[in-house]
Amino acid sequence: RVERAFAAILQDSREQQGLWQHLCLNGLREIVLLMARS
């Protein structure tokens, strides 16, 4: 999940299509919450 989230963040930040920043932030939230859960 962490690796998929990073890969998606990079893709969205490069393509910069609609709502890309929100999608990136969702990915970051998932990573941070997985860290907290660990």
All heavy atoms as atom14 arrays in JSON, in Angstrom:
{
  "sequence": "RVERAFAAILQDSREQQGLWQHLCLNGLREIVLLMARS",
  "atom14_mask": [
    [1, 1, 1, 1, 1, 1, 1, 1, 1, 1, 1, 0, 0, 0],
    [1, 1, 1, 1, 1, 1, 1, 0, 0, 0, 0, 0, 0, 0],
    [1, 1, 1, 1, 1, 1, 1, 1, 1, 0, 0, 0, 0, 0],
    [1, 1, 1, 1, 1, 1, 1, 1, 1, 1, 1, 0, 0, 0],
    [1, 1, 1, 1, 1, 0, 0, 0, 0, 0, 0, 0, 0, 0],
    [1, 1, 1, 1, 1, 1, 1, 1, 1, 1, 1, 0, 0, 0],
    [1, 1, 1, 1, 1, 0, 0, 0, 0, 0, 0, 0, 0, 0],
    [1, 1, 1, 1, 1, 0, 0, 0, 0, 0, 0, 0, 0, 0],
    [1, 1, 1, 1, 1, 1, 1, 1, 0, 0, 0, 0, 0, 0],
    [1, 1, 1, 1, 1, 1, 1, 1, 0, 0, 0, 0, 0, 0],
    [1, 1, 1, 1, 1, 1, 1, 1, 1, 0, 0, 0, 0, 0],
    [1, 1, 1, 1, 1, 1, 1, 1, 0, 0, 0, 0, 0, 0],
    [1, 1, 1, 1, 1, 1, 0, 0, 0, 0, 0, 0, 0, 0],
    [1, 1, 1, 1, 1, 1, 1, 1, 1, 1, 1, 0, 0, 0],
    [1, 1, 1, 1, 1, 1, 1, 1, 1, 0, 0, 0, 0, 0],
    [1, 1, 1, 1, 1, 1, 1, 1, 1, 0, 0, 0, 0, 0],
    [1, 1, 1, 1, 1, 1, 1, 1, 1, 0, 0, 0, 0, 0],
    [1, 1, 1, 1, 0, 0, 0, 0, 0, 0, 0, 0, 0, 0],
    [1, 1, 1, 1, 1, 1, 1, 1, 0, 0, 0, 0, 0, 0],
    [1, 1, 1, 1, 1, 1, 1, 1, 1, 1, 1, 1, 1, 1],
    [1, 1, 1, 1, 1, 1, 1, 1, 1, 0, 0, 0, 0, 0],
    [1, 1, 1, 1, 1, 1, 1, 1, 1, 1, 0, 0, 0, 0],
    [1, 1, 1, 1, 1, 1, 1, 1, 0, 0, 0, 0, 0, 0],
    [1, 1, 1, 1, 1, 1, 0, 0, 0, 0, 0, 0, 0, 0],
    [1, 1, 1, 1, 1, 1, 1, 1, 0, 0, 0, 0, 0, 0],
    [1, 1, 1, 1, 1, 1, 1, 1, 0, 0, 0, 0, 0, 0],
    [1, 1, 1, 1, 0, 0, 0, 0, 0, 0, 0, 0, 0, 0],
    [1, 1, 1, 1, 1, 1, 1, 1, 0, 0, 0, 0, 0, 0],
    [1, 1, 1, 1, 1, 1, 1, 1, 1, 1, 1, 0, 0, 0],
    [1, 1, 1, 1, 1, 1, 1, 1, 1, 0, 0, 0, 0, 0],
    [1, 1, 1, 1, 1, 1, 1, 1, 0, 0, 0, 0, 0, 0],
    [1, 1, 1, 1, 1, 1, 1, 0, 0, 0, 0, 0, 0, 0],
    [1, 1, 1, 1, 1, 1, 1, 1, 0, 0, 0, 0, 0, 0],
    [1, 1, 1, 1, 1, 1, 1, 1, 0, 0, 0, 0, 0, 0],
    [1, 1, 1, 1, 1, 1, 1, 1, 0, 0, 0, 0, 0, 0],
    [1, 1, 1, 1, 1, 0, 0, 0, 0, 0, 0, 0, 0, 0],
    [1, 1, 1, 1, 1, 1, 1, 1, 1, 1, 1, 0, 0, 0],
    [1, 1, 1, 1, 1, 1, 0, 0, 0, 0, 0, 0, 0, 0]
  ],
  "atom14_positions": [
    [[0.83, -1.21, 0.0], [0.0, 0.0, 0.0], [0.86, 1.26, 0.0], [0.56, 2.23, -0.7], [-0.94, -0.01, 1.21], [-2.04, -1.04, 1.12], [-2.91, -1.04, 2.35], [-3.68, 0.18, 2.49], [-4.59, 0.36, 3.45], [-4.81, -0.58, 4.34], [-5.26, 1.5, 3.51], [0.0, 0.0, 0.0], [0.0, 0.0, 0.0], [0.0, 0.0, 0.0]],
    [[1.94, 1.24, 0.79], [2.83, 2.4, 0.83], [3.47, 2.63, -0.53], [3.51, 3.76, -1.04], [3.92, 2.21, 1.91], [5.03, 3.24, 1.76], [3.3, 2.31, 3.3], [0.0, 0.0, 0.0], [0.0, 0.0, 0.0], [0.0, 0.0, 0.0], [0.0, 0.0, 0.0], [0.0, 0.0, 0.0], [0.0, 0.0, 0.0], [0.0, 0.0, 0.0]],
    [[3.96, 1.57, -1.16], [4.6, 1.72, -2.46], [3.6, 2.18, -3.51], [3.93, 3.04, -4.34], [5.25, 0.4, -2.88], [6.45, 0.02, -2.03], [7.25, -1.13, -2.61], [7.21, -1.32, -3.84], [7.92, -1.84, -1.84], [0.0, 0.0, 0.0], [0.0, 0.0, 0.0], [0.0, 0.0, 0.0], [0.0, 0.0, 0.0], [0.0, 0.0, 0.0]],
    [[2.38, 1.64, -3.48], [1.35, 2.09, -4.44], [1.02, 3.56, -4.23], [0.83, 4.31, -5.19], [0.09, 1.24, -4.3], [0.2, -0.16, -4.89], [-1.18, -0.76, -5.12], [-1.99, -0.77, -3.91], [-2.05, -1.79, -3.08], [-1.34, -2.88, -3.32], [-2.82, -1.75, -2.01], [0.0, 0.0, 0.0], [0.0, 0.0, 0.0], [0.0, 0.0, 0.0]],
    [[0.94, 3.98, -2.96], [0.6, 5.37, -2.66], [1.68, 6.31, -3.19], [1.37, 7.34, -3.8], [0.41, 5.56, -1.16], [0.0, 0.0, 0.0], [0.0, 0.0, 0.0], [0.0, 0.0, 0.0], [0.0, 0.0, 0.0], [0.0, 0.0, 0.0], [0.0, 0.0, 0.0], [0.0, 0.0, 0.0], [0.0, 0.0, 0.0], [0.0, 0.0, 0.0]],
    [[2.95, 5.97, -2.96], [4.03, 6.81, -3.48], [3.98, 6.88, -5.01], [4.14, 7.95, -5.61], [5.39, 6.3, -3.01], [5.85, 6.89, -1.71], [5.77, 6.16, -0.53], [6.36, 8.17, -1.66], [6.2, 6.69, 0.68], [6.79, 8.73, -0.46], [6.71, 7.98, 0.71], [0.0, 0.0, 0.0], [0.0, 0.0, 0.0], [0.0, 0.0, 0.0]],
    [[3.81, 5.72, -5.65], [3.77, 5.69, -7.11], [2.62, 6.55, -7.65], [2.77, 7.28, -8.63], [3.65, 4.25, -7.61], [0.0, 0.0, 0.0], [0.0, 0.0, 0.0], [0.0, 0.0, 0.0], [0.0, 0.0, 0.0], [0.0, 0.0, 0.0], [0.0, 0.0, 0.0], [0.0, 0.0, 0.0], [0.0, 0.0, 0.0], [0.0, 0.0, 0.0]],
    [[1.46, 6.47, -6.99], [0.3, 7.27, -7.43], [0.55, 8.76, -7.23], [0.17, 9.59, -8.06], [-0.95, 6.83, -6.67], [0.0, 0.0, 0.0], [0.0, 0.0, 0.0], [0.0, 0.0, 0.0], [0.0, 0.0, 0.0], [0.0, 0.0, 0.0], [0.0, 0.0, 0.0], [0.0, 0.0, 0.0], [0.0, 0.0, 0.0], [0.0, 0.0, 0.0]],
    [[1.2, 9.12, -6.11], [1.51, 10.52, -5.85], [2.4, 11.08, -6.96], [2.18, 12.18, -7.48], [2.17, 10.69, -4.48], [1.16, 10.41, -3.36], [2.75, 12.1, -4.31], [1.8, 10.25, -2.0], [0.0, 0.0, 0.0], [0.0, 0.0, 0.0], [0.0, 0.0, 0.0], [0.0, 0.0, 0.0], [0.0, 0.0, 0.0], [0.0, 0.0, 0.0]],
    [[3.43, 10.32, -7.33], [4.34, 10.78, -8.38], [3.6, 10.94, -9.7], [3.79, 11.92, -10.43], [5.5, 9.81, -8.54], [6.42, 9.61, -7.34], [7.69, 8.87, -7.76], [6.77, 10.93, -6.68], [0.0, 0.0, 0.0], [0.0, 0.0, 0.0], [0.0, 0.0, 0.0], [0.0, 0.0, 0.0], [0.0, 0.0, 0.0], [0.0, 0.0, 0.0]],
    [[2.74, 9.97, -10.03], [2.0, 10.05, -11.28], [1.08, 11.26, -11.31], [1.05, 12.03, -12.27], [1.18, 8.77, -11.49], [0.35, 8.79, -12.78], [-0.42, 7.5, -12.98], [-0.11, 6.48, -12.38], [-1.43, 7.54, -13.83], [0.0, 0.0, 0.0], [0.0, 0.0, 0.0], [0.0, 0.0, 0.0], [0.0, 0.0, 0.0], [0.0, 0.0, 0.0]],
    [[0.32, 11.45, -10.22], [-0.63, 12.57, -10.18], [0.09, 13.91, -10.18], [-0.36, 14.87, -10.82], [-1.53, 12.45, -8.96], [-2.53, 11.32, -9.08], [-2.99, 11.05, -10.2], [-2.85, 10.7, -8.05], [0.0, 0.0, 0.0], [0.0, 0.0, 0.0], [0.0, 0.0, 0.0], [0.0, 0.0, 0.0], [0.0, 0.0, 0.0], [0.0, 0.0, 0.0]],
    [[1.21, 14.01, -9.47], [1.92, 15.29, -9.39], [2.57, 15.64, -10.72], [2.79, 16.82, -11.01], [2.97, 15.25, -8.28], [3.98, 14.3, -8.56], [0.0, 0.0, 0.0], [0.0, 0.0, 0.0], [0.0, 0.0, 0.0], [0.0, 0.0, 0.0], [0.0, 0.0, 0.0], [0.0, 0.0, 0.0], [0.0, 0.0, 0.0], [0.0, 0.0, 0.0]],
    [[2.88, 14.64, -11.54], [3.47, 14.91, -12.85], [2.4, 15.26, -13.88], [2.56, 16.19, -14.68], [4.28, 13.7, -13.32], [5.56, 13.47, -12.53], [6.14, 12.11, -12.81], [7.39, 11.89, -12.07], [7.97, 10.71, -11.94], [7.42, 9.63, -12.48], [9.09, 10.6, -11.25], [0.0, 0.0, 0.0], [0.0, 0.0, 0.0], [0.0, 0.0, 0.0]],
    [[1.31, 14.51, -13.87], [0.25, 14.74, -14.86], [-0.54, 16.01, -14.56], [-1.0, 16.7, -15.47], [-0.68, 13.54, -14.92], [0.0, 12.27, -15.41], [-0.93, 11.07, -15.38], [-2.07, 11.22, -14.88], [-0.51, 10.0, -15.86], [0.0, 0.0, 0.0], [0.0, 0.0, 0.0], [0.0, 0.0, 0.0], [0.0, 0.0, 0.0], [0.0, 0.0, 0.0]],
    [[-0.75, 16.29, -13.27], [-1.45, 17.5, -12.81], [-2.81, 17.68, -13.51], [-3.16, 18.75, -13.97], [-0.58, 18.74, -13.0], [0.67, 18.7, -12.15], [1.39, 20.03, -12.06], [0.87, 21.06, -12.49], [2.58, 20.02, -11.5], [0.0, 0.0, 0.0], [0.0, 0.0, 0.0], [0.0, 0.0, 0.0], [0.0, 0.0, 0.0], [0.0, 0.0, 0.0]],
    [[-3.56, 16.57, -13.56], [-4.93, 16.66, -14.05], [-5.84, 17.13, -12.91], [-5.4, 17.4, -11.81], [-5.37, 15.3, -14.58], [-4.53, 14.82, -15.76], [-5.09, 13.58, -16.4], [-6.29, 13.45, -16.6], [-4.21, 12.64, -16.72], [0.0, 0.0, 0.0], [0.0, 0.0, 0.0], [0.0, 0.0, 0.0], [0.0, 0.0, 0.0], [0.0, 0.0, 0.0]],
    [[-7.13, 17.24, -13.21], [-8.07, 17.79, -12.25], [-7.97, 17.15, -10.87], [-7.88, 15.93, -10.76], [0.0, 0.0, 0.0], [0.0, 0.0, 0.0], [0.0, 0.0, 0.0], [0.0, 0.0, 0.0], [0.0, 0.0, 0.0], [0.0, 0.0, 0.0], [0.0, 0.0, 0.0], [0.0, 0.0, 0.0], [0.0, 0.0, 0.0], [0.0, 0.0, 0.0]],
    [[-7.98, 17.99, -9.83], [-7.95, 17.56, -8.42], [-6.68, 16.79, -8.06], [-6.66, 16.05, -7.08], [-9.19, 16.72, -8.09], [-10.54, 17.4, -8.3], [-11.68, 16.44, -8.02], [-10.67, 18.62, -7.41], [0.0, 0.0, 0.0], [0.0, 0.0, 0.0], [0.0, 0.0, 0.0], [0.0, 0.0, 0.0], [0.0, 0.0, 0.0], [0.0, 0.0, 0.0]],
    [[-5.61, 16.99, -8.82], [-4.4, 16.21, -8.58], [-3.82, 16.43, -7.19], [-3.33, 15.49, -6.57], [-3.36, 16.5, -9.65], [-2.75, 17.88, -9.6], [-3.25, 19.0, -10.17], [-1.54, 18.25, -8.94], [-2.42, 20.07, -9.92], [-1.36, 19.63, -9.17], [-0.59, 17.56, -8.2], [-0.27, 20.34, -8.66], [0.5, 18.25, -7.69], [0.66, 19.62, -7.93]],
    [[-3.88, 17.68, -6.71], [-3.32, 17.94, -5.38], [-4.09, 17.2, -4.29], [-3.51, 16.67, -3.34], [-3.3, 19.44, -5.1], [-2.32, 20.19, -5.99], [-2.14, 21.62, -5.55], [-1.74, 21.88, -4.43], [-2.44, 22.56, -6.43], [0.0, 0.0, 0.0], [0.0, 0.0, 0.0], [0.0, 0.0, 0.0], [0.0, 0.0, 0.0], [0.0, 0.0, 0.0]],
    [[-5.42, 17.16, -4.44], [-6.24, 16.44, -3.46], [-5.91, 14.95, -3.48], [-5.85, 14.3, -2.42], [-7.72, 16.67, -3.76], [-8.15, 18.09, -3.64], [-8.39, 18.7, -2.42], [-8.35, 19.04, -4.58], [-8.74, 19.95, -2.62], [-8.73, 20.18, -3.91], [0.0, 0.0, 0.0], [0.0, 0.0, 0.0], [0.0, 0.0, 0.0], [0.0, 0.0, 0.0]],
    [[-5.73, 14.39, -4.68], [-5.38, 12.98, -4.78], [-4.01, 12.71, -4.14], [-3.83, 11.7, -3.44], [-5.36, 12.55, -6.25], [-6.73, 12.48, -6.93], [-6.57, 12.33, -8.44], [-7.55, 11.33, -6.36], [0.0, 0.0, 0.0], [0.0, 0.0, 0.0], [0.0, 0.0, 0.0], [0.0, 0.0, 0.0], [0.0, 0.0, 0.0], [0.0, 0.0, 0.0]],
    [[-3.06, 13.61, -4.37], [-1.74, 13.45, -3.75], [-1.84, 13.49, -2.23], [-1.21, 12.69, -1.53], [-0.8, 14.55, -4.24], [-0.27, 14.38, -5.96], [0.0, 0.0, 0.0], [0.0, 0.0, 0.0], [0.0, 0.0, 0.0], [0.0, 0.0, 0.0], [0.0, 0.0, 0.0], [0.0, 0.0, 0.0], [0.0, 0.0, 0.0], [0.0, 0.0, 0.0]],
    [[-2.62, 14.43, -1.72], [-2.77, 14.54, -0.27], [-3.44, 13.3, 0.32], [-3.1, 12.86, 1.41], [-3.56, 15.8, 0.08], [-2.82, 17.12, -0.16], [-3.74, 18.3, 0.08], [-1.58, 17.22, 0.72], [0.0, 0.0, 0.0], [0.0, 0.0, 0.0], [0.0, 0.0, 0.0], [0.0, 0.0, 0.0], [0.0, 0.0, 0.0], [0.0, 0.0, 0.0]],
    [[-4.4, 12.74, -0.41], [-5.02, 11.5, 0.07], [-3.99, 10.39, 0.17], [-3.99, 9.59, 1.13], [-6.15, 11.08, -0.86], [-7.42, 11.86, -0.62], [-7.6, 12.47, 0.43], [-8.31, 11.87, -1.59], [0.0, 0.0, 0.0], [0.0, 0.0, 0.0], [0.0, 0.0, 0.0], [0.0, 0.0, 0.0], [0.0, 0.0, 0.0], [0.0, 0.0, 0.0]],
    [[-3.09, 10.3, -0.82], [-2.03, 9.31, -0.77], [-1.11, 9.52, 0.41], [-0.71, 8.57, 1.1], [0.0, 0.0, 0.0], [0.0, 0.0, 0.0], [0.0, 0.0, 0.0], [0.0, 0.0, 0.0], [0.0, 0.0, 0.0], [0.0, 0.0, 0.0], [0.0, 0.0, 0.0], [0.0, 0.0, 0.0], [0.0, 0.0, 0.0], [0.0, 0.0, 0.0]],
    [[-0.76, 10.77, 0.66], [0.11, 11.08, 1.8], [-0.57, 10.75, 3.13], [0.07, 10.23, 4.05], [0.5, 12.55, 1.77], [1.54, 12.92, 0.71], [1.57, 14.43, 0.5], [2.92, 12.41, 1.12], [0.0, 0.0, 0.0], [0.0, 0.0, 0.0], [0.0, 0.0, 0.0], [0.0, 0.0, 0.0], [0.0, 0.0, 0.0], [0.0, 0.0, 0.0]],
    [[-1.86, 11.05, 3.22], [-2.59, 10.71, 4.44], [-2.56, 9.2, 4.69], [-2.39, 8.74, 5.82], [-4.04, 11.19, 4.35], [-4.19, 12.7, 4.4], [-5.65, 13.11, 4.46], [-5.79, 14.54, 4.45], [-6.08, 15.27, 3.37], [-6.29, 14.66, 2.2], [-6.17, 16.57, 3.43], [0.0, 0.0, 0.0], [0.0, 0.0, 0.0], [0.0, 0.0, 0.0]],
    [[-2.74, 8.42, 3.62], [-2.7, 6.97, 3.77], [-1.35, 6.52, 4.29], [-1.26, 5.68, 5.2], [-3.0, 6.29, 2.44], [-3.0, 4.76, 2.54], [-3.39, 4.08, 1.25], [-3.36, 4.73, 0.19], [-3.69, 2.87, 1.29], [0.0, 0.0, 0.0], [0.0, 0.0, 0.0], [0.0, 0.0, 0.0], [0.0, 0.0, 0.0], [0.0, 0.0, 0.0]],
    [[-0.26, 7.06, 3.74], [1.07, 6.68, 4.17], [1.28, 7.02, 5.64], [1.77, 6.21, 6.44], [2.14, 7.37, 3.3], [2.05, 6.86, 1.87], [3.54, 7.12, 3.87], [2.83, 7.7, 0.87], [0.0, 0.0, 0.0], [0.0, 0.0, 0.0], [0.0, 0.0, 0.0], [0.0, 0.0, 0.0], [0.0, 0.0, 0.0], [0.0, 0.0, 0.0]],
    [[0.92, 8.25, 6.02], [1.11, 8.68, 7.41], [0.28, 7.83, 8.37], [0.76, 7.43, 9.45], [0.76, 10.18, 7.55], [0.7, 10.59, 9.02], [1.79, 11.04, 6.82], [0.0, 0.0, 0.0], [0.0, 0.0, 0.0], [0.0, 0.0, 0.0], [0.0, 0.0, 0.0], [0.0, 0.0, 0.0], [0.0, 0.0, 0.0], [0.0, 0.0, 0.0]],
    [[-0.94, 7.52, 7.99], [-1.79, 6.71, 8.86], [-1.28, 5.27, 8.96], [-1.39, 4.64, 10.02], [-3.24, 6.74, 8.36], [-3.94, 8.09, 8.51], [-5.3, 8.07, 7.84], [-4.09, 8.47, 9.99], [0.0, 0.0, 0.0], [0.0, 0.0, 0.0], [0.0, 0.0, 0.0], [0.0, 0.0, 0.0], [0.0, 0.0, 0.0], [0.0, 0.0, 0.0]],
    [[-0.73, 4.74, 7.88], [-0.13, 3.41, 7.95], [1.09, 3.42, 8.86], [1.34, 2.46, 9.59], [0.26, 2.94, 6.54], [-0.9, 2.5, 5.65], [-0.42, 2.31, 4.21], [-1.55, 1.22, 6.17], [0.0, 0.0, 0.0], [0.0, 0.0, 0.0], [0.0, 0.0, 0.0], [0.0, 0.0, 0.0], [0.0, 0.0, 0.0], [0.0, 0.0, 0.0]],
    [[1.86, 4.51, 8.84], [2.98, 4.65, 9.78], [2.46, 4.63, 11.22], [3.0, 3.93, 12.07], [3.72, 5.96, 9.52], [4.49, 6.02, 8.22], [5.19, 7.68, 7.95], [6.44, 7.74, 9.26], [0.0, 0.0, 0.0], [0.0, 0.0, 0.0], [0.0, 0.0, 0.0], [0.0, 0.0, 0.0], [0.0, 0.0, 0.0], [0.0, 0.0, 0.0]],
    [[1.41, 5.4, 11.46], [0.84, 5.47, 12.81], [0.31, 4.12, 13.25], [0.51, 3.7, 14.4], [-0.26, 6.53, 12.86], [0.0, 0.0, 0.0], [0.0, 0.0, 0.0], [0.0, 0.0, 0.0], [0.0, 0.0, 0.0], [0.0, 0.0, 0.0], [0.0, 0.0, 0.0], [0.0, 0.0, 0.0], [0.0, 0.0, 0.0], [0.0, 0.0, 0.0]],
    [[-0.36, 3.42, 12.34], [-0.89, 2.11, 12.7], [0.22, 1.11, 12.99], [0.11, 0.28, 13.9], [-1.79, 1.57, 11.58], [-2.56, 0.32, 11.97], [-3.53, -0.12, 10.92], [-2.84, -0.67, 9.76], [-3.46, -1.21, 8.71], [-4.78, -1.21, 8.67], [-2.78, -1.71, 7.7], [0.0, 0.0, 0.0], [0.0, 0.0, 0.0], [0.0, 0.0, 0.0]],
    [[1.32, 1.19, 12.22], [2.45, 0.29, 12.47], [3.01, 0.49, 13.86], [3.46, -0.46, 14.52], [3.55, 0.53, 11.43], [3.13, 0.12, 10.15], [0.0, 0.0, 0.0], [0.0, 0.0, 0.0], [0.0, 0.0, 0.0], [0.0, 0.0, 0.0], [0.0, 0.0, 0.0], [0.0, 0.0, 0.0], [0.0, 0.0, 0.0], [0.0, 0.0, 0.0]]
  ]
}
